[in-house]
Protein backbone atom coordinates (compact mmCIF):
# COMPACT_ATOMS: atom_id res chain seq x y z
CA UNK A 1 0.00 0.40 0.07
CA UNK A 2 1.24 3.21 -1.06
CA UNK A 3 2.93 5.82 1.96
CA UNK A 4 -0.39 7.66 1.64
CA UNK A 5 -2.59 4.93 2.54
CA UNK A 6 -0.84 3.77 6.01
CA UNK A 7 -0.39 7.71 6.88
CA UNK A 8 -4.45 7.46 6.62
CA UNK A 9 -4.80 4.08 8.51
CA UNK A 10 -2.87 5.99 11.10
CA UNK A 11 -4.83 9.05 11.29
CA UNK A 12 -8.29 6.77 11.41
CA UNK A 13 -6.43 4.56 14.17
CA UNK A 14 -5.83 7.47 16.70
CA UNK A 15 -9.42 9.01 15.82
CA UNK A 16 -10.77 5.82 16.74
CA UNK A 17 -12.70 4.21 13.57
CA UNK A 18 -11.48 0.85 14.40
CA UNK A 19 -13.45 -0.89 11.34
CA UNK A 20 -11.63 1.61 8.90
CA UNK A 21 -8.47 1.41 10.57
CA UNK A 22 -8.51 -2.10 10.62
CA UNK A 23 -9.24 -2.91 7.21
CA UNK A 24 -6.88 -0.07 5.64
CA UNK A 25 -3.96 -1.57 7.79
CA UNK A 26 -4.91 -4.89 7.56
CA UNK A 27 -4.99 -4.23 3.33
CA UNK A 28 -1.54 -2.65 3.59
CA UNK A 29 -0.45 -5.67 6.16
CA UNK A 30 -1.17 -8.04 2.92
CA UNK A 31 0.76 -5.74 0.55
CA UNK A 32 3.72 -6.11 3.19
CA UNK A 33 3.63 -2.36 3.58
CA UNK A 34 3.15 -2.12 7.39
CA UNK A 35 6.09 -1.15 9.95
CA UNK A 36 6.77 -2.94 12.93
CA UNK A 37 4.92 -0.32 15.05
CA UNK A 38 1.97 -0.75 12.27
CA UNK A 39 1.78 -4.51 12.92
CA UNK A 40 0.62 -3.23 16.17
CA UNK A 41 -1.79 -0.62 15.96
CA UNK A 42 -3.36 -3.56 13.15
CA UNK A 43 -3.21 -6.13 16.17
CA UNK A 44 -4.96 -2.98 18.42
CA UNK A 45 -7.91 -2.13 15.65
CA UNK A 46 -9.00 -5.86 16.22
CA UNK A 47 -8.55 -5.92 19.57
CA UNK A 48 -10.95 -2.80 20.14
CA UNK A 49 -13.32 -4.99 16.78
CA UNK A 50 -13.76 -7.96 19.40
CA UNK A 51 -11.94 -10.03 17.06
CA UNK A 52 -9.33 -11.68 19.57
CA UNK A 53 -7.39 -14.78 17.17
CA UNK A 54 -6.50 -11.11 14.60
CA UNK A 55 -5.44 -9.59 18.02
CA UNK A 56 -3.05 -12.33 18.44
CA UNK A 57 -2.00 -12.63 15.68
CA UNK A 58 -0.79 -9.45 14.56
CA UNK A 59 1.17 -9.02 17.95
CA UNK A 60 2.81 -12.25 17.68
CA UNK A 61 3.87 -11.07 13.94
CA UNK A 62 5.09 -7.87 15.81
CA UNK A 63 6.93 -10.08 18.32
CA UNK A 64 8.89 -11.83 15.53
CA UNK A 65 9.67 -8.50 13.24
CA UNK A 66 10.68 -6.56 16.42
CA UNK A 67 13.33 -10.03 17.53
CA UNK A 68 14.73 -10.00 13.95
CA UNK A 69 14.95 -6.41 14.09
CA UNK A 70 16.57 -6.32 17.58
CA UNK A 71 14.70 -4.69 19.71
CA UNK A 72 13.86 -6.99 22.67
CA UNK A 73 11.77 -5.14 24.82
CA UNK A 74 9.22 -4.33 22.21
CA UNK A 75 9.22 -7.87 21.68
CA UNK A 76 8.92 -8.31 24.97
CA UNK A 77 6.47 -6.11 25.44
CA UNK A 78 3.87 -7.62 22.76
CA UNK A 79 4.09 -11.14 24.48
CA UNK A 80 3.10 -9.72 27.65
CA UNK A 81 -0.02 -8.32 26.27
CA UNK A 82 -0.41 -11.48 24.41
CA UNK A 83 0.29 -13.34 27.89
CA UNK A 84 -2.75 -11.28 29.11
CA UNK A 85 -5.08 -11.56 26.20
CA UNK A 86 -5.21 -15.08 27.10
CA UNK A 87 -4.81 -15.21 30.83
CA UNK A 88 -8.20 -13.17 30.82
CA UNK A 89 -10.13 -15.74 29.05
CA UNK A 90 -8.80 -18.55 30.81
CA UNK A 91 -5.96 -20.06 28.60
CA UNK A 92 -3.52 -19.92 31.49
CA UNK A 93 -1.28 -22.21 30.43
CA UNK A 94 -0.20 -20.37 26.81
CA UNK A 95 -0.40 -17.58 28.81
CA UNK A 96 2.17 -18.56 31.64
CA UNK A 97 4.29 -19.60 28.07
CA UNK A 98 4.31 -16.30 26.60
CA UNK A 99 5.23 -14.74 30.13
CA UNK A 100 7.58 -17.22 30.61
CA UNK A 101 9.84 -16.85 27.06
CA UNK A 102 9.35 -13.43 27.40
CA UNK A 103 10.97 -13.41 31.17
CA UNK A 104 14.00 -15.74 29.22
CA UNK A 105 14.71 -12.80 26.45
CA UNK A 106 14.53 -9.95 29.08
CA UNK A 107 17.62 -11.96 31.23
CA UNK A 108 19.35 -12.72 28.23
CA UNK A 109 19.19 -9.55 26.95
CA UNK A 110 20.08 -8.02 30.66
CA UNK A 111 18.29 -4.27 29.22
CA UNK A 112 17.22 -2.24 32.26
CA UNK A 113 13.64 -1.70 30.64
CA UNK A 114 9.90 -0.30 31.87
CA UNK A 115 8.74 -4.06 30.62
CA UNK A 116 10.78 -6.01 33.36
CA UNK A 117 7.66 -4.00 35.54
CA UNK A 118 5.06 -5.14 32.56
CA UNK A 119 5.96 -8.82 33.59
CA UNK A 120 5.47 -8.10 37.45
CA UNK A 121 1.69 -7.86 36.60
CA UNK A 122 0.84 -11.56 35.71
CA UNK A 123 2.35 -11.99 39.55
CA UNK A 124 -0.38 -9.44 40.52
CA UNK A 125 -3.11 -11.52 39.11
CA UNK A 126 -2.34 -14.64 40.59
CA UNK A 127 -1.85 -13.44 44.46
CA UNK A 128 -5.37 -11.81 43.14
CA UNK A 129 -6.37 -14.75 42.01
CA UNK A 130 -4.72 -16.64 45.02
CA UNK A 131 -6.69 -14.22 47.92
CA UNK A 132 -3.03 -13.31 48.78
CA UNK A 133 -3.68 -9.42 49.06
CA UNK A 134 -0.79 -8.75 51.03
CA UNK A 135 1.17 -10.53 48.20
CA UNK A 136 -0.77 -8.74 45.25
CA UNK A 137 0.38 -5.23 47.07
CA UNK A 138 3.64 -6.11 47.23
CA UNK A 139 3.91 -7.12 43.56
CA UNK A 140 1.83 -4.20 42.28
CA UNK A 141 3.99 -1.87 44.81
CA UNK A 142 7.52 -3.29 42.45
CA UNK A 143 5.33 -2.72 39.23
CA UNK A 144 4.23 0.95 40.30
CA UNK A 145 7.75 1.81 40.90
CA UNK A 146 9.44 0.77 37.48
CA UNK A 147 6.85 2.25 35.56
CA UNK A 148 7.71 5.89 37.67
CA UNK A 149 10.91 5.47 36.86
CA UNK A 150 10.61 5.36 33.68
CA UNK A 151 7.51 7.32 33.05
CA UNK A 152 5.69 4.40 30.98
CA UNK A 153 1.80 5.59 32.05
CA UNK A 154 0.28 2.04 31.12
CA UNK A 155 2.11 0.70 33.60
CA UNK A 156 1.83 3.24 36.13
CA UNK A 157 -1.97 2.88 36.13
CA UNK A 158 -2.43 -0.70 34.94
CA UNK A 159 -0.50 -1.41 38.44
CA UNK A 160 -1.63 1.43 40.45
CA UNK A 161 -5.08 0.41 40.12
CA UNK A 162 -3.83 -3.08 41.08
CA UNK A 163 -2.25 -1.72 44.33
CA UNK A 164 -5.95 0.14 45.65
CA UNK A 165 -7.68 -3.31 44.49
CA UNK A 166 -5.16 -4.83 47.25
CA UNK A 167 -5.95 -2.32 49.48
CA UNK A 168 -9.37 -2.55 49.57
CA UNK A 169 -9.18 -6.89 49.55
CA UNK A 170 -7.18 -5.87 53.16
CA UNK A 171 -9.67 -3.79 54.60
CA UNK A 172 -7.72 -0.50 53.30
CA UNK A 173 -10.51 0.74 51.92
CA UNK A 174 -10.02 4.97 52.06
CA UNK A 175 -6.22 4.64 50.80
CA UNK A 176 -7.57 2.22 47.78
CA UNK A 177 -10.01 3.90 46.41
CA UNK A 178 -8.05 7.34 46.58
CA UNK A 179 -5.85 5.37 44.54
CA UNK A 180 -8.39 3.97 42.39
CA UNK A 181 -9.48 7.64 41.42
CA UNK A 182 -6.19 9.52 41.16
CA UNK A 183 -5.74 6.19 38.60
CA UNK A 184 -9.42 7.33 36.76
CA UNK A 185 -7.89 10.44 36.29
CA UNK A 186 -4.96 9.80 33.82
CA UNK A 187 -8.17 7.00 32.19
CA UNK A 188 -10.62 10.40 31.84
CA UNK A 189 -8.15 12.63 30.33
CA UNK A 190 -7.36 10.34 27.68
CA UNK A 191 -3.59 10.11 28.60
CA UNK A 192 -3.45 5.81 28.18
CA UNK A 193 -3.89 3.28 24.98
CA UNK A 194 -7.24 2.04 24.02
CA UNK A 195 -6.37 -1.47 25.72
CA UNK A 196 -5.46 0.00 28.91
CA UNK A 197 -8.08 2.55 29.21
CA UNK A 198 -10.46 -0.07 28.42
CA UNK A 199 -9.13 -3.01 31.48
CA UNK A 200 -8.73 0.62 33.83
CA UNK A 201 -12.02 1.44 33.86
CA UNK A 202 -14.20 -1.96 33.94
CA UNK A 203 -11.88 -2.91 37.03
CA UNK A 204 -11.75 -0.24 38.90
CA UNK A 205 -15.96 0.04 39.06
CA UNK A 206 -16.11 -3.36 39.82
CA UNK A 207 -13.97 -3.17 43.01
CA UNK A 208 -15.82 0.33 43.92
CA UNK A 209 -19.47 -2.11 43.87
CA UNK A 210 -16.79 -5.23 44.93
CA UNK A 211 -17.20 -2.47 48.58
CA UNK A 212 -20.53 -1.52 47.44
CA UNK A 213 -18.87 2.00 47.14
CA UNK A 214 -22.54 3.02 44.44
CA UNK A 215 -21.83 6.68 44.46
CA UNK A 216 -17.96 5.84 42.46
CA UNK A 217 -18.98 2.67 40.83
CA UNK A 218 -22.39 5.36 39.59
CA UNK A 219 -19.69 8.13 38.13
CA UNK A 220 -17.23 5.69 36.95
CA UNK A 221 -20.19 3.87 35.04
CA UNK A 222 -21.02 7.13 33.76
CA UNK A 223 -17.79 8.18 32.07
CA UNK A 224 -17.17 4.71 30.77
CA UNK A 225 -20.76 4.92 28.89
CA UNK A 226 -19.56 7.79 27.11
CA UNK A 227 -15.92 6.09 26.24
CA UNK A 228 -17.52 3.45 24.80
CA UNK A 229 -20.62 5.83 22.76
CA UNK A 230 -17.41 7.61 20.87
CA UNK A 231 -16.38 4.82 19.68
CA UNK A 232 -19.40 3.65 18.07
CA UNK A 233 -17.41 0.16 16.16
CA UNK A 234 -15.85 -1.12 19.63
CA UNK A 235 -16.97 -4.23 20.58
CA UNK A 236 -14.07 -4.76 23.32
CA UNK A 237 -15.25 -4.04 27.02
CA UNK A 238 -18.69 -3.00 25.52
CA UNK A 239 -20.02 -5.92 27.54
CA UNK A 240 -18.76 -5.26 30.90
CA UNK A 241 -19.88 -1.16 30.79
CA UNK A 242 -23.66 -2.80 29.51
CA UNK A 243 -23.51 -4.70 32.54
CA UNK A 244 -22.26 -1.99 35.04
CA UNK A 245 -25.38 0.91 33.65
CA UNK A 246 -27.35 -1.86 33.59
CA UNK A 247 -26.76 -2.44 37.73
CA UNK A 248 -27.18 0.88 38.11
CA UNK A 249 -30.59 1.38 36.31
CA UNK A 250 -31.93 -1.25 38.18
CA UNK A 251 -30.18 0.47 41.91
CA UNK A 252 -32.27 3.43 40.33
CA UNK A 253 -35.30 1.84 39.07
CA UNK A 254 -34.74 2.23 35.72
CA UNK A 255 -35.74 -1.67 35.42
CA UNK A 256 -37.46 -2.42 32.37
CA UNK A 257 -34.21 0.30 30.80
CA UNK A 258 -32.02 -2.04 32.61
CA UNK A 259 -33.63 -4.81 31.26
CA UNK A 260 -32.67 -4.15 27.82
CA UNK A 261 -29.14 -3.19 29.09
CA UNK A 262 -28.91 -6.94 30.66
CA UNK A 263 -30.15 -8.95 27.42
CA UNK A 264 -27.59 -6.71 25.36
CA UNK A 265 -24.68 -7.87 27.80
CA UNK A 266 -25.68 -10.91 27.61
CA UNK A 267 -26.31 -11.30 23.62
CA UNK A 268 -23.03 -10.13 23.84
CA UNK A 269 -21.13 -12.23 25.68
CA UNK A 270 -22.54 -15.33 24.63
CA UNK A 271 -20.62 -14.98 20.96
CA UNK A 272 -17.34 -15.37 22.80
CA UNK A 273 -16.52 -18.82 24.68
CA UNK A 274 -14.26 -17.60 26.85
CA UNK A 275 -16.72 -14.68 29.08
CA UNK A 276 -19.44 -17.58 29.51
CA UNK A 277 -19.00 -16.09 33.30
CA UNK A 278 -19.67 -12.67 32.26
CA UNK A 279 -22.59 -13.84 30.50
CA UNK A 280 -24.26 -15.49 33.89
CA UNK A 281 -23.55 -11.77 35.71
CA UNK A 282 -25.68 -10.50 33.00
CA UNK A 283 -28.17 -13.11 33.32
CA UNK A 284 -28.08 -13.14 36.79
CA UNK A 285 -29.12 -9.93 36.79
CA UNK A 286 -31.87 -10.74 33.98
CA UNK A 287 -33.48 -13.08 36.92
CA UNK A 288 -32.92 -9.78 39.42
CA UNK A 289 -35.13 -7.74 37.07
CA UNK A 290 -37.59 -10.11 36.02
CA UNK A 291 -38.02 -10.80 39.94
CA UNK A 292 -38.69 -7.20 41.14
CA UNK A 293 -41.46 -7.27 38.55
CA UNK A 294 -43.34 -9.64 39.45
CA UNK A 295 -42.20 -12.44 36.41
CA UNK A 296 -41.35 -15.34 39.05
CA UNK A 297 -41.38 -17.96 35.46
CA UNK A 298 -39.13 -15.75 33.75
CA UNK A 299 -36.51 -15.12 36.60
CA UNK A 300 -36.09 -18.40 37.28
CA UNK A 301 -34.69 -19.43 33.84
CA UNK A 302 -32.33 -17.04 34.40
CA UNK A 303 -31.07 -17.61 37.45
CA UNK A 304 -30.60 -21.23 35.96
CA UNK A 305 -29.05 -20.07 32.91
CA UNK A 306 -26.67 -18.13 35.05
CA UNK A 307 -25.69 -21.06 37.39
CA UNK A 308 -25.26 -23.23 33.92
CA UNK A 309 -23.09 -19.85 33.44
CA UNK A 310 -20.50 -20.76 36.27
CA UNK A 311 -22.70 -17.36 38.24
CA UNK A 312 -23.77 -18.73 41.79
CA UNK A 313 -27.42 -17.54 41.65
CA UNK A 314 -27.73 -16.36 44.94
CA UNK A 315 -28.81 -14.71 46.75
CA UNK A 316 -31.74 -13.78 43.81
CA UNK A 317 -32.92 -17.37 44.05
CA UNK A 318 -33.34 -17.82 48.07
CA UNK A 319 -35.55 -14.03 47.30
CA UNK A 320 -37.67 -15.90 44.14
CA UNK A 321 -38.59 -18.61 46.66
CA UNK A 322 -39.39 -16.71 49.43
CA UNK A 323 -40.84 -14.96 46.86
CA UNK A 324 -42.87 -18.42 45.79
CA UNK A 325 -43.98 -18.82 49.30
CA UNK A 326 -41.14 -22.10 49.72
CA UNK A 327 -39.72 -20.31 52.79
CA UNK A 328 -37.92 -23.58 54.06
CA UNK A 329 -36.26 -23.70 50.12
CA UNK A 330 -35.18 -20.37 50.73
CA UNK A 331 -33.84 -20.66 54.20
CA UNK A 332 -31.89 -23.68 52.91
CA UNK A 333 -30.53 -21.86 50.33
CA UNK A 334 -28.98 -18.83 51.50
CA UNK A 335 -28.11 -21.00 54.66
CA UNK A 336 -26.09 -23.41 51.71
CA UNK A 337 -24.44 -20.28 49.70
CA UNK A 338 -23.43 -18.11 53.65
CA UNK A 339 -21.19 -21.83 54.43
CA UNK A 340 -19.63 -21.45 51.48
CA UNK A 341 -18.93 -17.86 51.38
CA UNK A 342 -15.33 -16.58 52.94
CA UNK A 343 -14.78 -13.60 52.51
CA UNK A 344 -16.68 -10.75 54.56
CA UNK A 345 -17.67 -8.20 51.78
CA UNK A 346 -18.78 -11.18 49.77
CA UNK A 347 -21.37 -11.76 52.39
CA UNK A 348 -22.07 -8.78 52.46
CA UNK A 349 -25.54 -9.48 50.14
CA UNK A 350 -26.12 -13.10 51.38
CA UNK A 351 -26.84 -11.59 55.15
CA UNK A 352 -28.72 -9.14 53.86
CA UNK A 353 -30.92 -11.38 52.30
CA UNK A 354 -30.63 -13.90 55.29
CA UNK A 355 -31.84 -12.12 58.25
CA UNK A 356 -34.93 -11.11 56.37
CA UNK A 357 -35.46 -15.14 54.91
CA UNK A 358 -34.81 -15.87 58.69
CA UNK A 359 -37.53 -13.80 60.33
CA UNK A 360 -39.86 -15.04 57.41
CA UNK A 361 -38.81 -19.15 59.42
CA UNK A 362 -39.19 -17.60 62.41
CA UNK A 363 -35.57 -18.23 63.42
CA UNK A 364 -35.34 -15.01 65.04
CA UNK A 365 -32.06 -15.90 66.70
CA UNK A 366 -29.98 -16.70 63.21
CA UNK A 367 -31.54 -13.38 61.66
CA UNK A 368 -30.23 -11.85 64.49
CA UNK A 369 -27.17 -13.62 63.64
CA UNK A 370 -27.15 -12.28 59.94
CA UNK A 371 -27.75 -9.30 61.34
CA UNK A 372 -25.35 -8.56 63.44
CA UNK A 373 -22.58 -10.13 61.39
CA UNK A 374 -23.18 -8.06 58.60
CA UNK A 375 -23.84 -4.67 61.53
CA UNK A 376 -19.83 -5.90 62.31
CA UNK A 377 -18.90 -5.16 58.52
CA UNK A 378 -20.47 -2.09 58.51
CA UNK A 379 -18.35 -0.71 60.93
CA UNK A 380 -15.26 -1.22 59.38
CA UNK A 381 -16.62 -0.32 55.22
CA UNK A 382 -17.69 2.96 55.96
CA UNK A 383 -19.82 2.70 52.69
CA UNK A 384 -23.41 3.94 52.57
CA UNK A 385 -24.59 0.85 50.70
CA UNK A 386 -23.92 -2.01 53.37
CA UNK A 387 -24.72 1.05 56.46
CA UNK A 388 -28.38 0.82 55.11
CA UNK A 389 -28.49 -2.93 54.72
CA UNK A 390 -27.47 -3.12 57.98
CA UNK A 391 -30.03 -0.24 59.86
CA UNK A 392 -32.20 -2.31 57.99
CA UNK A 393 -31.71 -5.93 58.51
CA UNK A 394 -31.03 -4.97 62.73
CA UNK A 395 -34.66 -3.18 62.38
CA UNK A 396 -36.61 -5.57 60.78
CA UNK A 397 -35.34 -8.08 63.57
CA UNK A 398 -35.65 -5.44 66.65
CA UNK A 399 -39.64 -5.00 64.28
CA UNK A 400 -40.03 -9.30 64.36
CA UNK A 401 -39.34 -9.23 68.35
CA UNK A 402 -41.87 -6.99 69.54
CA UNK A 403 -39.14 -4.15 70.22
CA UNK A 404 -40.97 -1.29 67.76
CA UNK A 405 -39.04 1.81 69.51
CA UNK A 406 -35.35 0.55 68.11
CA UNK A 407 -36.92 -0.70 64.96
CA UNK A 408 -38.19 2.65 63.72
CA UNK A 409 -35.15 4.48 64.44
CA UNK A 410 -32.75 2.09 62.38
CA UNK A 411 -35.33 2.19 59.65
CA UNK A 412 -35.45 5.23 59.09
CA UNK A 413 -31.48 5.79 58.86
CA UNK A 414 -32.05 2.88 56.14
CA UNK A 415 -34.76 4.91 54.31
CA UNK A 416 -32.56 7.88 54.75
CA UNK A 417 -29.55 6.32 53.12
CA UNK A 418 -31.47 4.39 49.78
CA UNK A 419 -32.94 8.30 49.16
CA UNK A 420 -29.72 8.94 49.29
CA UNK A 421 -28.36 6.73 47.21
CA UNK A 422 -31.10 7.58 44.79
CA UNK A 423 -32.46 3.72 45.22
CA UNK A 424 -36.32 3.82 45.25
CA UNK A 425 -37.06 0.51 45.83
CA UNK A 426 -34.96 -0.09 48.50
CA UNK A 427 -36.23 3.45 49.55
CA UNK A 428 -39.40 1.57 50.02
CA UNK A 429 -39.05 -1.45 51.63
CA UNK A 430 -37.51 0.05 54.37
CA UNK A 431 -40.83 2.70 54.25
CA UNK A 432 -43.06 -0.56 54.45
CA UNK A 433 -41.49 -1.35 57.76
CA UNK A 434 -42.11 1.88 59.25
CA UNK A 435 -45.18 1.49 58.70
CA UNK A 436 -44.90 -1.62 60.45
CA UNK A 437 -43.48 -0.57 63.53
CA UNK A 438 -45.87 2.98 63.30
CA UNK A 439 -48.12 0.50 63.67
CA UNK A 440 -47.05 -1.66 66.40
CA UNK A 441 -46.41 2.13 68.32
CA UNK A 442 -50.45 2.73 67.82
CA UNK A 443 -49.46 6.20 65.25
CA UNK A 444 -52.04 4.59 62.66
CA UNK A 445 -51.71 7.85 60.54
CA UNK A 446 -48.17 7.92 60.22
CA UNK A 447 -48.36 3.72 58.93
CA UNK A 448 -50.69 4.85 56.53
CA UNK A 449 -48.92 7.69 54.95
CA UNK A 450 -45.85 5.79 54.79
CA UNK A 451 -47.68 2.43 53.05
CA UNK A 452 -49.59 4.92 50.43
CA UNK A 453 -46.24 6.19 49.49
CA UNK A 454 -44.17 2.99 49.23
CA UNK A 455 -47.90 1.93 47.48
CA UNK A 456 -47.07 4.77 44.81
CA UNK A 457 -43.40 4.07 44.37
CA UNK A 458 -43.67 0.35 44.24
CA UNK A 459 -46.43 1.01 41.22
CA UNK A 460 -44.18 3.21 39.86
CA UNK A 461 -41.16 0.81 39.41
CA UNK A 462 -43.56 -1.77 38.39
CA UNK A 463 -42.84 -4.01 41.67
CA UNK A 464 -46.66 -5.44 41.31
CA UNK A 465 -46.38 -8.00 43.63
CA UNK A 466 -45.27 -5.55 46.34
CA UNK A 467 -47.92 -3.17 45.77
CA UNK A 468 -50.74 -5.86 46.00
CA UNK A 469 -49.09 -6.71 49.85
CA UNK A 470 -49.37 -3.12 50.24
CA UNK A 471 -52.87 -3.34 49.15
CA UNK A 472 -53.50 -5.79 51.90
CA UNK A 473 -51.88 -4.55 54.42
CA UNK A 474 -54.28 -1.35 53.50
CA UNK A 475 -56.77 -3.40 54.57
CA UNK A 476 -58.08 -3.08 50.38
CA UNK A 477 -58.23 -5.84 47.74
CA UNK A 478 -55.71 -5.15 45.33
CA UNK A 479 -57.15 -5.17 42.03
CA UNK A 480 -53.69 -6.86 40.75
CA UNK A 481 -54.58 -9.88 42.56
CA UNK A 482 -58.45 -8.90 41.68
CA UNK A 483 -57.76 -9.25 37.70
CA UNK A 484 -54.58 -11.42 37.83
CA UNK A 485 -52.29 -9.09 35.83
CA UNK A 486 -48.86 -10.37 35.23
CA UNK A 487 -46.24 -7.66 35.83
CA UNK A 488 -45.60 -7.94 31.71
CA UNK A 489 -48.79 -7.31 31.51
CA UNK A 490 -49.28 -4.40 34.27
CA UNK A 491 -45.79 -3.02 32.14
CA UNK A 492 -48.34 -3.23 28.57
CA UNK A 493 -51.55 -1.28 30.21
CA UNK A 494 -48.80 1.06 31.74
CA UNK A 495 -47.83 1.91 28.30
CA UNK A 496 -51.30 1.78 26.29
CA UNK A 497 -52.39 4.29 28.95
CA UNK A 498 -50.21 6.41 28.09
CA UNK A 499 -51.09 6.01 24.09
CA UNK A 500 -48.46 3.67 22.52
CA UNK A 501 -49.42 1.80 20.13
CA UNK A 502 -48.64 -2.43 19.74
CA UNK A 503 -45.75 -1.64 17.85
CA UNK A 504 -43.95 1.15 19.73
CA UNK A 505 -44.47 -1.01 22.83
CA UNK A 506 -42.81 -4.23 21.46
CA UNK A 507 -39.61 -1.85 20.24
CA UNK A 508 -40.23 -0.65 23.50
CA UNK A 509 -40.11 -4.16 26.07
CA UNK A 510 -38.12 -5.33 23.31
CA UNK A 511 -40.37 -8.24 22.36
CA UNK A 512 -42.37 -9.37 18.87
CA UNK A 513 -45.67 -7.38 18.40
CA UNK A 514 -47.33 -10.21 18.18
CA UNK A 515 -46.31 -10.31 21.05
CA UNK A 516 -47.67 -7.54 22.26
CA UNK A 517 -51.16 -7.86 20.86
CA UNK A 518 -51.53 -11.27 23.01
CA UNK A 519 -50.28 -8.89 26.05
CA UNK A 520 -53.55 -6.48 24.61
CA UNK A 521 -56.59 -8.84 25.04
CA UNK A 522 -55.13 -10.87 27.88
CA UNK A 523 -55.70 -7.85 29.65
CA UNK A 524 -58.92 -6.56 28.01
CA UNK A 525 -59.95 -10.23 28.79
CA UNK A 526 -58.58 -10.01 32.58
CA UNK A 527 -60.23 -6.38 32.68
CA UNK A 528 -63.14 -7.28 31.18
CA UNK A 529 -63.14 -4.29 28.79
CA UNK A 530 -63.17 -4.22 25.36
CA UNK A 531 -60.97 -0.75 24.19
CA UNK A 532 -57.87 0.64 25.05
CA UNK A 533 -60.22 3.43 25.91
CA UNK A 534 -61.68 1.30 28.44
CA UNK A 535 -58.75 0.10 29.90
CA UNK A 536 -56.79 3.63 29.78
CA UNK A 537 -59.14 4.56 32.16
CA UNK A 538 -59.02 1.01 34.41
CA UNK A 539 -55.77 1.70 35.07
CA UNK A 540 -56.45 5.53 36.20
CA UNK A 541 -59.18 4.76 38.26
CA UNK A 542 -57.50 1.64 40.12
CA UNK A 543 -53.97 4.12 40.43
CA UNK A 544 -52.10 1.98 38.78
CA UNK A 545 -50.45 5.27 36.27
CA UNK A 546 -51.39 7.69 38.59
CA UNK A 547 -49.00 10.41 38.41
CA UNK A 548 -46.11 7.37 36.65
CA UNK A 549 -44.37 8.54 33.92
CA UNK A 550 -45.28 5.50 30.83
CA UNK A 551 -41.63 4.00 31.26
């Protein structure tokens, strides 16, 4: 390819037009016209398009040409990235082979170079996998020192964000989060290479979520989303971005949108067999979203699919069993999951579920034990979310023991925390318990107000079973139970009431138009109406769309 063609390919690469850059560089490579630098650009373009085999093949070609040119450090750098990609896809043996080759080349070359720091990163990862955060911290600190000496921004970012991860796992959360924030400054400023940027983005958000730092996770997810949107052709990292975004949407109550994102992520991971665990995470989220909206059969199917991908289906499946009335099955499942989970932060969501489930079984000692352990974790983690879960668990146990006054203080703390975190569903659940505590204290007026606020939140969110339970607590027969509307039918009804066509509803809910037609027919039959206007009138009359947007 003429030099002008390669020059255009480089411009496309720098502008992150990955598809055109890859096509131009591949054409030049076929014509024998690529430099070693351009071979690496070709490989990176393939990576960003999700073409892992082409990425590795391009790096292998660049590796050999660097060796032929006598540039051992550059050859070692290519070997490192090949090994890291293989390790990320579970090919541990081949990955170690490439790392071993790189170490041998450096030992023979005896050059003092930054690549020695890159080759410390595999040790960091192995210590993380082996749950040895002290060793991981030591190795990451060594790599960061080398990166600082050679002023290598990519290595420094990889090392410092792993230092932060190790500190978090050691319980030094504030120190760890400060290092993550420091690393993200370089990421947001665009100072890092595309591959390193994606790795640090996704890992940092995952680290924040692991300690329930929901505010930071939300902020960095917004930045990651913008970064992905700026590169519409990019495939790498986008599946993880979709999962992160869906999890934030779930917390904020945008459940239909979250479900769309989770499905897109599951589909994205489905075509890459090495990412089945990531697909399991997306499927688990689908299960949670179906359960929250009262679609219990769909939730069960999603949890089972997640389990098939290697994702532990708890506590979601246990909560589903509780929702189905199988209290003993829920208790057995959550006890088993807790018995298999050692790390304290990994136990948080299990303990929160266990406290609720054990109250339902009547085993208040077990519920109290779960709430107490969760409180101990909250006391050391300084996380608003863990604090809110702890306050709710202790408040629910106190209420079950008949101590409504103490329960009320704890439950109001939980409700305020969830409101501050913009988590309307959890906030509404706390307010239901507040209402019960007020009722136990003889304050029926406040109890009614709290139930009404919670009910409105559940209806707005589409949490139909929760809304129905509120109707029962308020002493009325729930409209949904009277007429047997499913969660999906309620979603369709709300959109019908907003004036949307079946075609528009199908697009919004990611359903076929025929499926929406069937839902509308079922709604008419259950409500005993014969037109969209009559169905709309019913929805407003029974408060199903009162002051509620169509979404």
